[in-house]
Amino acid sequence: MENEKKNILLRLNRIKGQIDGIIRMIENGEDCQVIYQQVKAAYNALKSAGKMLIVNDIFKCISTEENEKKLKNLLEKLMEE
């Protein structure tokens, strides 16, 4: 679980950098289409990180390996878009 926590934190820090970049782009009057593309990328990255958090935290409450596999498969199907 410690490795998953590290991966999520790295991902969130990258997203924070993306947001800082978007703020600078807006402040500098960059093209709105480029800004929109960056906002969309940051949104999708944050959504993905949220899914990772949900999946990892649910497993803390499950006691058997078999239940973990079943729940992981179910959650992955539910989270697909």
N, C-alpha and C. Protein backbone atom coordinates (compact mmCIF):
# COMPACT_ATOMS: atom_id res chain seq x y z
N MET A 1 0.81 -1.20 0.00
CA MET A 1 0.00 0.00 0.00
C MET A 1 0.86 1.27 0.00
N GLU A 2 2.01 1.22 0.58
CA GLU A 2 2.88 2.40 0.63
C GLU A 2 3.29 2.84 -0.78
N ASN A 3 3.52 1.88 -1.67
CA ASN A 3 3.89 2.18 -3.05
C ASN A 3 2.72 2.87 -3.77
N GLU A 4 1.49 2.41 -3.52
CA GLU A 4 0.32 3.03 -4.14
C GLU A 4 0.15 4.46 -3.64
N LYS A 5 0.39 4.67 -2.36
CA LYS A 5 0.30 6.02 -1.79
C LYS A 5 1.32 6.93 -2.46
N LYS A 6 2.52 6.44 -2.63
CA LYS A 6 3.58 7.22 -3.28
C LYS A 6 3.18 7.56 -4.72
N ASN A 7 2.63 6.58 -5.45
CA ASN A 7 2.21 6.82 -6.83
C ASN A 7 1.10 7.87 -6.92
N ILE A 8 0.15 7.80 -6.00
CA ILE A 8 -0.95 8.77 -6.00
C ILE A 8 -0.42 10.17 -5.69
N LEU A 9 0.49 10.26 -4.71
CA LEU A 9 1.06 11.57 -4.37
C LEU A 9 1.86 12.15 -5.53
N LEU A 10 2.62 11.31 -6.23
CA LEU A 10 3.36 11.78 -7.40
C LEU A 10 2.40 12.30 -8.47
N ARG A 11 1.34 11.56 -8.70
CA ARG A 11 0.34 11.96 -9.69
C ARG A 11 -0.31 13.29 -9.30
N LEU A 12 -0.67 13.42 -8.04
CA LEU A 12 -1.31 14.66 -7.58
C LEU A 12 -0.36 15.86 -7.68
N ASN A 13 0.93 15.63 -7.41
CA ASN A 13 1.89 16.72 -7.56
C ASN A 13 2.05 17.14 -9.01
N ARG A 14 1.99 16.17 -9.93
CA ARG A 14 2.03 16.51 -11.36
C ARG A 14 0.81 17.34 -11.75
N ILE A 15 -0.35 16.95 -11.22
CA ILE A 15 -1.58 17.68 -11.50
C ILE A 15 -1.48 19.10 -10.95
N LYS A 16 -0.90 19.24 -9.77
CA LYS A 16 -0.71 20.57 -9.19
C LYS A 16 0.16 21.43 -10.11
N GLY A 17 1.18 20.83 -10.70
CA GLY A 17 2.02 21.54 -11.66
C GLY A 17 1.23 21.94 -12.90
N GLN A 18 0.35 21.06 -13.36
CA GLN A 18 -0.50 21.38 -14.51
C GLN A 18 -1.40 22.58 -14.18
N ILE A 19 -1.97 22.58 -13.00
CA ILE A 19 -2.86 23.68 -12.59
C ILE A 19 -2.08 24.99 -12.52
N ASP A 20 -0.88 24.96 -11.96
CA ASP A 20 -0.04 26.16 -11.91
C ASP A 20 0.25 26.66 -13.33
N GLY A 21 0.48 25.74 -14.25
CA GLY A 21 0.72 26.11 -15.64
C GLY A 21 -0.50 26.76 -16.27
N ILE A 22 -1.67 26.24 -15.97
CA ILE A 22 -2.92 26.81 -16.50
C ILE A 22 -3.11 28.22 -15.97
N ILE A 23 -2.84 28.42 -14.70
CA ILE A 23 -2.97 29.75 -14.10
C ILE A 23 -2.05 30.74 -14.82
N ARG A 24 -0.81 30.32 -15.06
CA ARG A 24 0.14 31.20 -15.77
C ARG A 24 -0.35 31.49 -17.19
N MET A 25 -0.90 30.48 -17.85
CA MET A 25 -1.41 30.68 -19.21
C MET A 25 -2.54 31.71 -19.23
N ILE A 26 -3.43 31.62 -18.25
CA ILE A 26 -4.54 32.58 -18.17
C ILE A 26 -4.00 33.98 -17.89
N GLU A 27 -3.07 34.07 -16.93
CA GLU A 27 -2.48 35.37 -16.59
C GLU A 27 -1.77 36.00 -17.78
N ASN A 28 -1.16 35.17 -18.63
CA ASN A 28 -0.41 35.66 -19.79
C ASN A 28 -1.28 35.83 -21.03
N GLY A 29 -2.56 35.53 -20.92
CA GLY A 29 -3.47 35.72 -22.05
C GLY A 29 -3.27 34.74 -23.19
N GLU A 30 -2.90 33.51 -22.86
CA GLU A 30 -2.69 32.48 -23.88
C GLU A 30 -4.01 32.18 -24.61
N ASP A 31 -3.90 31.51 -25.73
CA ASP A 31 -5.04 31.12 -26.54
C ASP A 31 -6.02 30.26 -25.74
N CYS A 32 -7.31 30.57 -25.84
CA CYS A 32 -8.30 29.87 -25.04
C CYS A 32 -8.40 28.38 -25.39
N GLN A 33 -8.16 28.02 -26.63
CA GLN A 33 -8.22 26.60 -27.00
C GLN A 33 -7.09 25.80 -26.33
N VAL A 34 -5.93 26.40 -26.25
CA VAL A 34 -4.79 25.73 -25.59
C VAL A 34 -5.07 25.60 -24.10
N ILE A 35 -5.63 26.65 -23.51
CA ILE A 35 -5.98 26.59 -22.09
C ILE A 35 -7.02 25.51 -21.85
N TYR A 36 -8.02 25.45 -22.70
CA TYR A 36 -9.06 24.44 -22.55
C TYR A 36 -8.48 23.03 -22.62
N GLN A 37 -7.56 22.80 -23.54
CA GLN A 37 -6.93 21.49 -23.66
C GLN A 37 -6.20 21.12 -22.38
N GLN A 38 -5.52 22.09 -21.78
CA GLN A 38 -4.79 21.83 -20.55
C GLN A 38 -5.73 21.59 -19.36
N VAL A 39 -6.84 22.34 -19.33
CA VAL A 39 -7.84 22.13 -18.28
C VAL A 39 -8.42 20.73 -18.39
N LYS A 40 -8.73 20.33 -19.61
CA LYS A 40 -9.29 19.00 -19.84
C LYS A 40 -8.30 17.91 -19.42
N ALA A 41 -7.02 18.10 -19.74
CA ALA A 41 -6.00 17.12 -19.37
C ALA A 41 -5.88 17.04 -17.84
N ALA A 42 -5.88 18.18 -17.17
CA ALA A 42 -5.78 18.20 -15.71
C ALA A 42 -7.02 17.55 -15.08
N TYR A 43 -8.17 17.83 -15.64
CA TYR A 43 -9.42 17.23 -15.14
C TYR A 43 -9.37 15.71 -15.25
N ASN A 44 -8.97 15.21 -16.40
CA ASN A 44 -8.89 13.77 -16.60
C ASN A 44 -7.86 13.13 -15.68
N ALA A 45 -6.74 13.80 -15.47
CA ALA A 45 -5.71 13.29 -14.57
C ALA A 45 -6.23 13.23 -13.13
N LEU A 46 -6.96 14.26 -12.72
CA LEU A 46 -7.51 14.29 -11.36
C LEU A 46 -8.58 13.22 -11.19
N LYS A 47 -9.39 13.03 -12.21
CA LYS A 47 -10.41 11.98 -12.16
C LYS A 47 -9.75 10.60 -12.02
N SER A 48 -8.69 10.39 -12.75
CA SER A 48 -7.96 9.12 -12.68
C SER A 48 -7.35 8.92 -11.29
N ALA A 49 -6.78 9.97 -10.72
CA ALA A 49 -6.21 9.88 -9.38
C ALA A 49 -7.30 9.58 -8.35
N GLY A 50 -8.46 10.18 -8.53
CA GLY A 50 -9.58 9.92 -7.63
C GLY A 50 -10.01 8.46 -7.67
N LYS A 51 -10.04 7.90 -8.87
CA LYS A 51 -10.38 6.49 -9.01
C LYS A 51 -9.36 5.61 -8.30
N MET A 52 -8.09 5.95 -8.43
CA MET A 52 -7.04 5.19 -7.75
C MET A 52 -7.25 5.23 -6.24
N LEU A 53 -7.57 6.40 -5.71
CA LEU A 53 -7.79 6.54 -4.27
C LEU A 53 -8.96 5.69 -3.81
N ILE A 54 -10.04 5.73 -4.55
CA ILE A 54 -11.22 4.96 -4.18
C ILE A 54 -10.90 3.47 -4.14
N VAL A 55 -10.29 2.99 -5.20
CA VAL A 55 -9.97 1.57 -5.29
C VAL A 55 -9.03 1.15 -4.16
N ASN A 56 -7.98 1.92 -3.91
CA ASN A 56 -7.01 1.56 -2.88
C ASN A 56 -7.59 1.61 -1.48
N ASP A 57 -8.44 2.59 -1.18
CA ASP A 57 -9.00 2.71 0.16
C ASP A 57 -10.03 1.62 0.45
N ILE A 58 -10.77 1.21 -0.54
CA ILE A 58 -11.77 0.16 -0.32
C ILE A 58 -11.08 -1.14 0.08
N PHE A 59 -9.92 -1.41 -0.49
CA PHE A 59 -9.23 -2.67 -0.19
C PHE A 59 -8.78 -2.75 1.27
N LYS A 60 -8.63 -1.62 1.93
CA LYS A 60 -8.24 -1.65 3.34
C LYS A 60 -9.31 -2.32 4.20
N CYS A 61 -10.55 -2.31 3.72
CA CYS A 61 -11.68 -2.84 4.49
C CYS A 61 -12.01 -4.29 4.16
N ILE A 62 -11.30 -4.87 3.25
CA ILE A 62 -11.62 -6.23 2.80
C ILE A 62 -10.60 -7.20 3.38
N SER A 63 -11.12 -8.33 3.87
CA SER A 63 -10.21 -9.22 4.60
C SER A 63 -9.58 -10.34 3.76
N THR A 64 -10.22 -10.77 2.67
CA THR A 64 -9.66 -11.90 1.94
C THR A 64 -9.17 -11.49 0.55
N GLU A 65 -8.18 -12.20 0.09
CA GLU A 65 -7.62 -11.93 -1.24
C GLU A 65 -8.67 -12.17 -2.33
N GLU A 66 -9.48 -13.19 -2.18
CA GLU A 66 -10.51 -13.50 -3.17
C GLU A 66 -11.51 -12.35 -3.28
N ASN A 67 -11.93 -11.82 -2.14
CA ASN A 67 -12.86 -10.68 -2.14
C ASN A 67 -12.22 -9.46 -2.79
N GLU A 68 -10.93 -9.24 -2.55
CA GLU A 68 -10.23 -8.11 -3.15
C GLU A 68 -10.27 -8.18 -4.67
N LYS A 69 -10.00 -9.36 -5.21
CA LYS A 69 -9.99 -9.53 -6.67
C LYS A 69 -11.38 -9.28 -7.25
N LYS A 70 -12.39 -9.82 -6.63
CA LYS A 70 -13.76 -9.63 -7.11
C LYS A 70 -14.15 -8.16 -7.08
N LEU A 71 -13.85 -7.50 -5.97
CA LEU A 71 -14.22 -6.10 -5.83
C LEU A 71 -13.43 -5.22 -6.80
N LYS A 72 -12.17 -5.53 -6.98
CA LYS A 72 -11.35 -4.74 -7.91
C LYS A 72 -11.93 -4.83 -9.32
N ASN A 73 -12.27 -6.02 -9.76
CA ASN A 73 -12.88 -6.19 -11.09
C ASN A 73 -14.19 -5.43 -11.20
N LEU A 74 -15.01 -5.52 -10.19
CA LEU A 74 -16.29 -4.81 -10.19
C LEU A 74 -16.08 -3.30 -10.26
N LEU A 75 -15.19 -2.78 -9.43
CA LEU A 75 -14.93 -1.35 -9.42
C LEU A 75 -14.36 -0.85 -10.76
N GLU A 76 -13.46 -1.62 -11.33
CA GLU A 76 -12.90 -1.22 -12.61
C GLU A 76 -13.99 -1.13 -13.69
N LYS A 77 -14.93 -2.05 -13.66
CA LYS A 77 -16.04 -2.00 -14.61
C LYS A 77 -16.92 -0.79 -14.36
N LEU A 78 -17.18 -0.49 -13.09
CA LEU A 78 -18.02 0.65 -12.74
C LEU A 78 -17.37 1.98 -13.08
N MET A 79 -16.05 2.05 -12.99
CA MET A 79 -15.33 3.31 -13.20
C MET A 79 -15.03 3.60 -14.67
N GLU A 80 -15.21 2.61 -15.53
CA GLU A 80 -14.91 2.81 -16.95
C GLU A 80 -15.89 3.82 -17.53
N GLU A 81 -15.38 4.58 -18.47
CA GLU A 81 -16.23 5.56 -19.16
C GLU A 81 -16.04 5.44 -20.63
